[in-house]
C-alpha atoms as a PDB file:
ATOM      1  CA  MET A   1     -49.972  11.687   4.701  1.00  0.00           C
ATOM      2  CA  ASN A   2     -48.750  11.733   8.093  1.00  0.00           C
ATOM      3  CA  ARG A   3     -46.942  14.917   8.886  1.00  0.00           C
ATOM      4  CA  SER A   4     -46.799  14.919  12.430  1.00  0.00           C
ATOM      5  CA  ILE A   5     -43.338  13.995  12.784  1.00  0.00           C
ATOM      6  CA  SER A   6     -40.221  15.764  10.677  1.00  0.00           C
ATOM      7  CA  PRO A   7     -36.820  14.122  11.545  1.00  0.00           C
ATOM      8  CA  SER A   8     -34.116  16.668  11.175  1.00  0.00           C
ATOM      9  CA  LEU A   9     -31.527  15.871   8.503  1.00  0.00           C
ATOM     10  CA  ILE A  10     -28.753  17.872  10.327  1.00  0.00           C
ATOM     11  CA  CYS A  11     -29.171  15.634  13.509  1.00  0.00           C
ATOM     12  CA  MET A  12     -28.502  12.268  11.624  1.00  0.00           C
ATOM     13  CA  ASP A  13     -25.062  10.632  10.798  1.00  0.00           C
ATOM     14  CA  LEU A  14     -23.670  13.144   8.404  1.00  0.00           C
ATOM     15  CA  CYS A  15     -21.425  10.640   6.951  1.00  0.00           C
ATOM     16  CA  ASN A  16     -24.343   8.389   6.347  1.00  0.00           C
ATOM     17  CA  LEU A  17     -27.302  10.462   5.460  1.00  0.00           C
ATOM     18  CA  GLU A  18     -28.669   8.322   2.480  1.00  0.00           C
ATOM     19  CA  GLN A  19     -28.766   5.284   4.890  1.00  0.00           C
ATOM     20  CA  SER A  20     -30.196   7.003   7.834  1.00  0.00           C
ATOM     21  CA  ILE A  21     -33.140   8.402   5.323  1.00  0.00           C
ATOM     22  CA  HIS A  22     -33.892   4.880   4.116  1.00  0.00           C
ATOM     23  CA  GLU A  23     -33.925   3.535   7.651  1.00  0.00           C
ATOM     24  CA  LEU A  24     -36.729   6.082   8.220  1.00  0.00           C
ATOM     25  CA  GLU A  25     -38.716   5.345   5.047  1.00  0.00           C
ATOM     26  CA  ALA A  26     -38.735   1.577   5.924  1.00  0.00           C
ATOM     27  CA  ALA A  27     -40.038   2.709   9.474  1.00  0.00           C
ATOM     28  CA  GLY A  28     -42.988   4.454   7.830  1.00  0.00           C
ATOM     29  CA  CYS A  29     -41.658   8.185   8.108  1.00  0.00           C
ATOM     30  CA  GLU A  30     -43.105  10.234   5.444  1.00  0.00           C
ATOM     31  CA  MET A  31     -41.586  13.982   5.723  1.00  0.00           C
ATOM     32  CA  LEU A  32     -38.027  15.202   6.357  1.00  0.00           C
ATOM     33  CA  HIS A  33     -37.149  18.355   7.928  1.00  0.00           C
ATOM     34  CA  VAL A  34     -34.169  20.087   5.745  1.00  0.00           C
ATOM     35  CA  ASP A  35     -32.189  22.615   7.705  1.00  0.00           C
ATOM     36  CA  ILE A  36     -30.415  25.201   5.534  1.00  0.00           C
ATOM     37  CA  LEU A  37     -28.023  27.605   7.399  1.00  0.00           C
ATOM     38  CA  ASP A  38     -25.872  30.294   6.188  1.00  0.00           C
ATOM     39  CA  GLY A  39     -23.368  30.490   9.046  1.00  0.00           C
ATOM     40  CA  TYR A  40     -24.072  34.097   9.709  1.00  0.00           C
ATOM     41  CA  PHE A  41     -27.449  34.252  10.713  1.00  0.00           C
ATOM     42  CA  SER A  42     -26.935  30.940  12.807  1.00  0.00           C
ATOM     43  CA  PRO A  43     -23.355  30.110  13.755  1.00  0.00           C
ATOM     44  CA  SER A  44     -23.370  26.558  12.203  1.00  0.00           C
ATOM     45  CA  MET A  45     -23.572  25.433   8.535  1.00  0.00           C
ATOM     46  CA  PRO A  46     -23.956  21.763   8.564  1.00  0.00           C
ATOM     47  CA  ILE A  47     -24.941  20.566   5.053  1.00  0.00           C
ATOM     48  CA  GLY A  48     -25.334  22.380   1.706  1.00  0.00           C
ATOM     49  CA  LEU A  49     -27.442  22.779  -0.997  1.00  0.00           C
ATOM     50  CA  GLU A  50     -25.717  20.139  -3.105  1.00  0.00           C
ATOM     51  CA  GLN A  51     -26.151  17.558  -0.503  1.00  0.00           C
ATOM     52  CA  VAL A  52     -29.645  18.374  -0.363  1.00  0.00           C
ATOM     53  CA  LYS A  53     -30.130  18.139  -4.087  1.00  0.00           C
ATOM     54  CA  GLN A  54     -28.510  14.749  -4.399  1.00  0.00           C
ATOM     55  CA  LEU A  55     -30.404  13.505  -1.585  1.00  0.00           C
ATOM     56  CA  ARG A  56     -33.625  14.644  -3.360  1.00  0.00           C
ATOM     57  CA  ALA A  57     -33.000  12.290  -5.972  1.00  0.00           C
ATOM     58  CA  LYS A  58     -32.781   9.428  -3.764  1.00  0.00           C
ATOM     59  CA  THR A  59     -35.722   9.471  -1.882  1.00  0.00           C
ATOM     60  CA  ASP A  60     -39.554  10.138  -2.085  1.00  0.00           C
ATOM     61  CA  LEU A  61     -39.878  11.573   1.351  1.00  0.00           C
ATOM     62  CA  TYR A  62     -41.655  14.996   1.524  1.00  0.00           C
ATOM     63  CA  PHE A  63     -38.961  17.662   2.001  1.00  0.00           C
ATOM     64  CA  ASP A  64     -39.876  20.297   4.704  1.00  0.00           C
ATOM     65  CA  ALA A  65     -37.279  23.020   4.538  1.00  0.00           C
ATOM     66  CA  HIS A  66     -36.319  25.461   7.072  1.00  0.00           C
ATOM     67  CA  VAL A  67     -34.219  28.488   5.840  1.00  0.00           C
ATOM     68  CA  MET A  68     -32.144  30.255   8.432  1.00  0.00           C
ATOM     69  CA  ALA A  69     -30.299  32.707   6.623  1.00  0.00           C
ATOM     70  CA  LYS A  70     -29.699  36.475   6.110  1.00  0.00           C
ATOM     71  CA  ASP A  71     -30.450  36.242   2.398  1.00  0.00           C
ATOM     72  CA  ASN A  72     -33.652  34.279   2.202  1.00  0.00           C
ATOM     73  CA  THR A  73     -33.941  34.772  -1.427  1.00  0.00           C
ATOM     74  CA  PHE A  74     -30.966  32.957  -2.640  1.00  0.00           C
ATOM     75  CA  PHE A  75     -31.633  29.829  -0.639  1.00  0.00           C
ATOM     76  CA  MET A  76     -35.381  29.848  -1.090  1.00  0.00           C
ATOM     77  CA  GLU A  77     -35.052  29.856  -4.925  1.00  0.00           C
ATOM     78  CA  GLN A  78     -32.326  27.217  -4.984  1.00  0.00           C
ATOM     79  CA  LEU A  79     -34.567  24.915  -2.763  1.00  0.00           C
ATOM     80  CA  ALA A  80     -37.643  25.222  -4.734  1.00  0.00           C
ATOM     81  CA  GLU A  81     -35.760  24.399  -7.839  1.00  0.00           C
ATOM     82  CA  ILE A  82     -34.410  21.219  -5.956  1.00  0.00           C
ATOM     83  CA  GLY A  83     -37.956  20.385  -5.042  1.00  0.00           C
ATOM     84  CA  MET A  84     -39.342  21.162  -1.572  1.00  0.00           C
ATOM     85  CA  GLY A  85     -42.816  20.306  -0.313  1.00  0.00           C
ATOM     86  CA  ARG A  86     -43.051  22.879   2.107  1.00  0.00           C
ATOM     87  CA  MET A  87     -40.915  25.857   3.300  1.00  0.00           C
ATOM     88  CA  CYS A  88     -40.407  28.314   6.078  1.00  0.00           C
ATOM     89  CA  PHE A  89     -37.951  31.234   6.500  1.00  0.00           C
ATOM     90  CA  GLN A  90     -36.945  33.103   9.663  1.00  0.00           C
ATOM     91  CA  ILE A  91     -39.164  36.071  10.002  1.00  0.00           C
ATOM     92  CA  GLU A  92     -36.531  38.202  11.717  1.00  0.00           C
ATOM     93  CA  THR A  93     -34.419  38.645   8.763  1.00  0.00           C
ATOM     94  CA  GLU A  94     -37.084  39.079   5.913  1.00  0.00           C
ATOM     95  CA  THR A  95     -38.056  42.545   4.998  1.00  0.00           C
ATOM     96  CA  HIS A  96     -41.099  41.399   2.656  1.00  0.00           C
ATOM     97  CA  VAL A  97     -42.676  38.507   4.608  1.00  0.00           C
ATOM     98  CA  SER A  98     -45.960  38.697   2.546  1.00  0.00           C
ATOM     99  CA  ARG A  99     -44.212  38.680  -0.829  1.00  0.00           C
ATOM    100  CA  LYS A 100     -42.091  35.558   0.151  1.00  0.00           C
ATOM    101  CA  LEU A 101     -45.126  33.683   1.307  1.00  0.00           C
ATOM    102  CA  SER A 102     -47.001  34.449  -1.901  1.00  0.00           C
ATOM    103  CA  TRP A 103     -43.679  33.483  -3.931  1.00  0.00           C
ATOM    104  CA  LEU A 104     -43.970  30.091  -2.298  1.00  0.00           C
ATOM    105  CA  LYS A 105     -47.471  29.436  -3.117  1.00  0.00           C
ATOM    106  CA  SER A 106     -46.832  30.495  -6.483  1.00  0.00           C
ATOM    107  CA  LYS A 107     -44.290  27.650  -6.851  1.00  0.00           C
ATOM    108  CA  GLY A 108     -46.899  25.100  -5.289  1.00  0.00           C
ATOM    109  CA  ILE A 109     -44.924  25.053  -1.775  1.00  0.00           C
ATOM    110  CA  GLU A 110     -46.610  24.983   1.043  1.00  0.00           C
ATOM    111  CA  ALA A 111     -45.532  28.269   2.887  1.00  0.00           C
ATOM    112  CA  GLY A 112     -44.529  29.244   6.538  1.00  0.00           C
ATOM    113  CA  VAL A 113     -42.550  31.304   8.820  1.00  0.00           C
ATOM    114  CA  ALA A 114     -40.450  30.351  11.570  1.00  0.00           C
ATOM    115  CA  LEU A 115     -40.118  32.478  14.914  1.00  0.00           C
ATOM    116  CA  ALA A 116     -37.235  32.275  17.162  1.00  0.00           C
ATOM    117  CA  PRO A 117     -37.980  32.288  21.007  1.00  0.00           C
ATOM    118  CA  GLY A 118     -37.696  35.835  21.372  1.00  0.00           C
ATOM    119  CA  THR A 119     -40.051  37.054  18.590  1.00  0.00           C
ATOM    120  CA  PRO A 120     -43.904  37.483  19.472  1.00  0.00           C
ATOM    121  CA  VAL A 121     -46.478  36.013  17.738  1.00  0.00           C
ATOM    122  CA  GLN A 122     -48.079  39.385  16.929  1.00  0.00           C
ATOM    123  CA  ASP A 123     -45.492  39.921  14.283  1.00  0.00           C
ATOM    124  CA  LEU A 124     -47.707  37.319  12.394  1.00  0.00           C
ATOM    125  CA  GLU A 125     -50.930  39.399  12.825  1.00  0.00           C
ATOM    126  CA  TYR A 126     -51.205  40.587   9.087  1.00  0.00           C
ATOM    127  CA  VAL A 127     -49.343  37.534   7.247  1.00  0.00           C
ATOM    128  CA  LEU A 128     -51.074  34.631   9.217  1.00  0.00           C
ATOM    129  CA  GLU A 129     -53.765  33.966   6.612  1.00  0.00           C
ATOM    130  CA  GLN A 130     -51.178  33.372   4.073  1.00  0.00           C
ATOM    131  CA  CYS A 131     -49.350  30.768   6.381  1.00  0.00           C
ATOM    132  CA  ASP A 132     -50.094  27.159   5.960  1.00  0.00           C
ATOM    133  CA  PHE A 133     -47.931  26.450   9.010  1.00  0.00           C
ATOM    134  CA  VAL A 134     -45.898  28.237  11.795  1.00  0.00           C
ATOM    135  CA  LEU A 135     -42.569  26.843  12.782  1.00  0.00           C
ATOM    136  CA  LEU A 136     -42.149  27.966  16.562  1.00  0.00           C
ATOM    137  CA  MET A 137     -38.492  27.492  17.840  1.00  0.00           C
ATOM    138  CA  MET A 138     -38.143  26.279  21.150  1.00  0.00           C
ATOM    139  CA  VAL A 139     -34.327  27.376  21.434  1.00  0.00           C
ATOM    140  CA  ASN A 140     -32.348  29.721  19.559  1.00  0.00           C
ATOM    141  CA  PRO A 141     -31.620  28.706  15.947  1.00  0.00           C
ATOM    142  CA  GLY A 142     -28.384  27.107  15.672  1.00  0.00           C
ATOM    143  CA  TYR A 143     -27.835  26.571  19.132  1.00  0.00           C
ATOM    144  CA  ALA A 144     -29.371  23.234  19.665  1.00  0.00           C
ATOM    145  CA  SER A 145     -26.219  21.426  20.672  1.00  0.00           C
ATOM    146  CA  ASP A 146     -25.723  24.085  23.523  1.00  0.00           C
ATOM    147  CA  LYS A 147     -26.924  22.345  26.443  1.00  0.00           C
ATOM    148  CA  THR A 148     -27.515  25.408  28.527  1.00  0.00           C
ATOM    149  CA  GLU A 149     -30.150  26.447  25.950  1.00  0.00           C
ATOM    150  CA  GLY A 150     -33.237  25.267  27.790  1.00  0.00           C
ATOM    151  CA  VAL A 151     -36.803  25.859  26.952  1.00  0.00           C
ATOM    152  CA  LEU A 152     -38.360  29.044  28.339  1.00  0.00           C
ATOM    153  CA  GLU A 153     -41.674  29.031  29.800  1.00  0.00           C
ATOM    154  CA  SER A 154     -42.824  31.844  27.637  1.00  0.00           C
ATOM    155  CA  SER A 155     -42.051  29.657  24.697  1.00  0.00           C
ATOM    156  CA  LYS A 156     -44.815  27.154  25.850  1.00  0.00           C
ATOM    157  CA  ARG A 157     -47.378  29.937  26.433  1.00  0.00           C
ATOM    158  CA  LYS A 158     -46.589  31.200  22.922  1.00  0.00           C
ATOM    159  CA  ILE A 159     -48.043  27.860  21.261  1.00  0.00           C
ATOM    160  CA  LEU A 160     -51.189  28.604  22.860  1.00  0.00           C
ATOM    161  CA  ASP A 161     -51.149  32.388  22.044  1.00  0.00           C
ATOM    162  CA  LEU A 162     -50.631  31.365  18.395  1.00  0.00           C
ATOM    163  CA  ARG A 163     -53.163  28.764  18.561  1.00  0.00           C
ATOM    164  CA  ARG A 164     -55.680  31.239  19.568  1.00  0.00           C
ATOM    165  CA  MET A 165     -54.753  33.615  17.032  1.00  0.00           C
ATOM    166  CA  ILE A 166     -55.219  30.987  14.402  1.00  0.00           C
ATOM    167  CA  GLN A 167     -58.624  30.272  15.712  1.00  0.00           C
ATOM    168  CA  ARG A 168     -59.756  34.090  15.898  1.00  0.00           C
ATOM    169  CA  GLN A 169     -59.031  34.483  12.489  1.00  0.00           C
ATOM    170  CA  ASP A 170     -60.571  30.965  11.487  1.00  0.00           C
ATOM    171  CA  LEU A 171     -57.630  29.608   9.623  1.00  0.00           C
ATOM    172  CA  PRO A 172     -56.384  26.068   8.834  1.00  0.00           C
ATOM    173  CA  THR A 173     -52.926  27.197   9.899  1.00  0.00           C
ATOM    174  CA  THR A 174     -50.724  24.349  11.568  1.00  0.00           C
ATOM    175  CA  ILE A 175     -48.116  24.928  14.184  1.00  0.00           C
ATOM    176  CA  THR A 176     -44.548  22.941  14.161  1.00  0.00           C
ATOM    177  CA  ILE A 177     -42.370  22.724  17.121  1.00  0.00           C
ATOM    178  CA  ASP A 178     -38.814  22.618  16.481  1.00  0.00           C
ATOM    179  CA  GLY A 179     -35.980  22.063  19.265  1.00  0.00           C
ATOM    180  CA  ARG A 180     -36.002  20.188  22.426  1.00  0.00           C
ATOM    181  CA  THR A 181     -39.026  18.006  21.395  1.00  0.00           C
ATOM    182  CA  TYR A 182     -38.243  15.435  24.255  1.00  0.00           C
ATOM    183  CA  LEU A 183     -40.697  12.559  24.477  1.00  0.00           C
ATOM    184  CA  ASP A 184     -42.140  14.056  27.985  1.00  0.00           C
ATOM    185  CA  MET A 185     -42.707  17.436  26.642  1.00  0.00           C
ATOM    186  CA  ILE A 186     -44.600  16.344  23.492  1.00  0.00           C
ATOM    187  CA  PRO A 187     -47.922  15.647  25.138  1.00  0.00           C
ATOM    188  CA  GLN A 188     -47.978  19.195  26.614  1.00  0.00           C
ATOM    189  CA  TYR A 189     -46.965  20.880  23.409  1.00  0.00           C
ATOM    190  CA  ALA A 190     -49.890  19.081  21.628  1.00  0.00           C
ATOM    191  CA  SER A 191     -52.269  20.026  24.118  1.00  0.00           C
ATOM    192  CA  LEU A 192     -51.316  23.791  23.569  1.00  0.00           C
ATOM    193  CA  GLY A 193     -51.874  23.229  19.772  1.00  0.00           C
ATOM    194  CA  ALA A 194     -48.714  21.919  18.319  1.00  0.00           C
ATOM    195  CA  GLU A 195     -49.446  19.320  15.404  1.00  0.00           C
ATOM    196  CA  THR A 196     -45.991  18.778  13.769  1.00  0.00           C
ATOM    197  CA  PHE A 197     -42.780  18.037  15.684  1.00  0.00           C
ATOM    198  CA  VAL A 198     -39.206  18.247  14.203  1.00  0.00           C
ATOM    199  CA  ALA A 199     -37.445  15.289  15.601  1.00  0.00           C
ATOM    200  CA  GLY A 200     -33.536  15.467  16.448  1.00  0.00           C
ATOM    201  CA  THR A 201     -31.338  14.031  19.206  1.00  0.00           C
ATOM    202  CA  SER A 202     -33.707  14.935  21.929  1.00  0.00           C
ATOM    203  CA  SER A 203     -36.413  12.372  20.595  1.00  0.00           C
ATOM    204  CA  LEU A 204     -35.380  10.185  17.829  1.00  0.00           C
ATOM    205  CA  PHE A 205     -31.614  10.202  17.197  1.00  0.00           C
ATOM    206  CA  LEU A 206     -30.868   9.342  20.465  1.00  0.00           C
ATOM    207  CA  HIS A 207     -27.501   7.033  21.742  1.00  0.00           C
ATOM    208  CA  ASN A 208     -29.692   4.713  23.509  1.00  0.00           C
ATOM    209  CA  GLY A 209     -28.719   1.568  21.777  1.00  0.00           C
ATOM    210  CA  CYS A 210     -31.802   1.407  19.693  1.00  0.00           C
ATOM    211  CA  SER A 211     -32.267   1.821  16.007  1.00  0.00           C
ATOM    212  CA  ILE A 212     -33.763   4.614  14.176  1.00  0.00           C
ATOM    213  CA  ALA A 213     -36.703   2.379  13.414  1.00  0.00           C
ATOM    214  CA  GLU A 214     -37.245   1.540  17.036  1.00  0.00           C
ATOM    215  CA  ASN A 215     -36.690   5.239  18.090  1.00  0.00           C
ATOM    216  CA  PHE A 216     -39.237   6.330  15.352  1.00  0.00           C
ATOM    217  CA  HIS A 217     -41.796   3.970  16.356  1.00  0.00           C
ATOM    218  CA  LYS A 218     -41.800   4.809  20.155  1.00  0.00           C
ATOM    219  CA  LEU A 219     -41.618   8.710  19.123  1.00  0.00           C
ATOM    220  CA  ASN A 220     -44.803   8.093  16.778  1.00  0.00           C
ATOM    221  CA  ASP A 221     -46.614   6.267  19.557  1.00  0.00           C
ATOM    222  CA  VAL A 222     -46.167   9.184  21.823  1.00  0.00           C
ATOM    223  CA  VAL A 223     -47.177  11.771  19.220  1.00  0.00           C
ATOM    224  CA  GLN A 224     -50.328  10.081  17.831  1.00  0.00           C
ATOM    225  CA  THR A 225     -51.530   9.470  21.522  1.00  0.00           C
ATOM    226  CA  ALA A 226     -50.836  12.999  22.410  1.00  0.00           C
ATOM    227  CA  LEU A 227     -52.526  14.371  19.390  1.00  0.00           C
ATOM    228  CA  LYS A 228     -55.562  12.058  20.051  1.00  0.00           C
ATOM    229  CA  LYS A 229     -55.936  13.377  23.513  1.00  0.00           C
ATOM    230  CA  ARG A 230     -55.948  16.855  22.679  1.00  0.00           C
ATOM    231  CA  GLY A 231     -59.187  18.597  22.684  1.00  0.00           C
ATOM    232  CA  ASN A 232     -60.562  22.168  21.831  1.00  0.00           C
ATOM    233  CA  ILE A 233     -58.278  24.794  22.908  1.00  0.00           C
END
């Protein structure tokens, strides 16, 4: 399965989600990024659980859930019941990180944690071995539409720091990048250690006169080329 690209559901045409998903499927996409925001941890709440439930019944895409909430338990339990392939939650709001990761694995769901730009990778030191993946936010959760939110140089260094931590512990954990995944930035992210890219308005759902399929193929070419060029870090 190609899990290097995870198109963001909330960046699609919210009035035509099913159509957009089927266009992605036809283009060869295999994974869909499902952001659930509670309106408290993050200032927006673009889609709800019922929408995700209905979409789950209309596609075979592998659902990649990202919970951004103050109460992770409620949303994680609901999403697990709907049917997620993998799921992560923001480490900043979770008291019992290790327990949540174990719970996800007990449900047969790939387990991960997400880190906001200001959260150090050192917070993962004693739970990294439980993580199938770690999602690094390049911009603050919920503020992607704010054009003043840029990618800090420290966020790029953070990818490499995490990759080295994974290597020190000799783990199969992978790194996902979310936010500002511009086509010209992907090769650098990949060279630092990123393997999966959440695709949104910066790289896939562009208002450039091209179809979703055309943009997906262009993005996939960039990602696959970048991943092939990466060497040992």
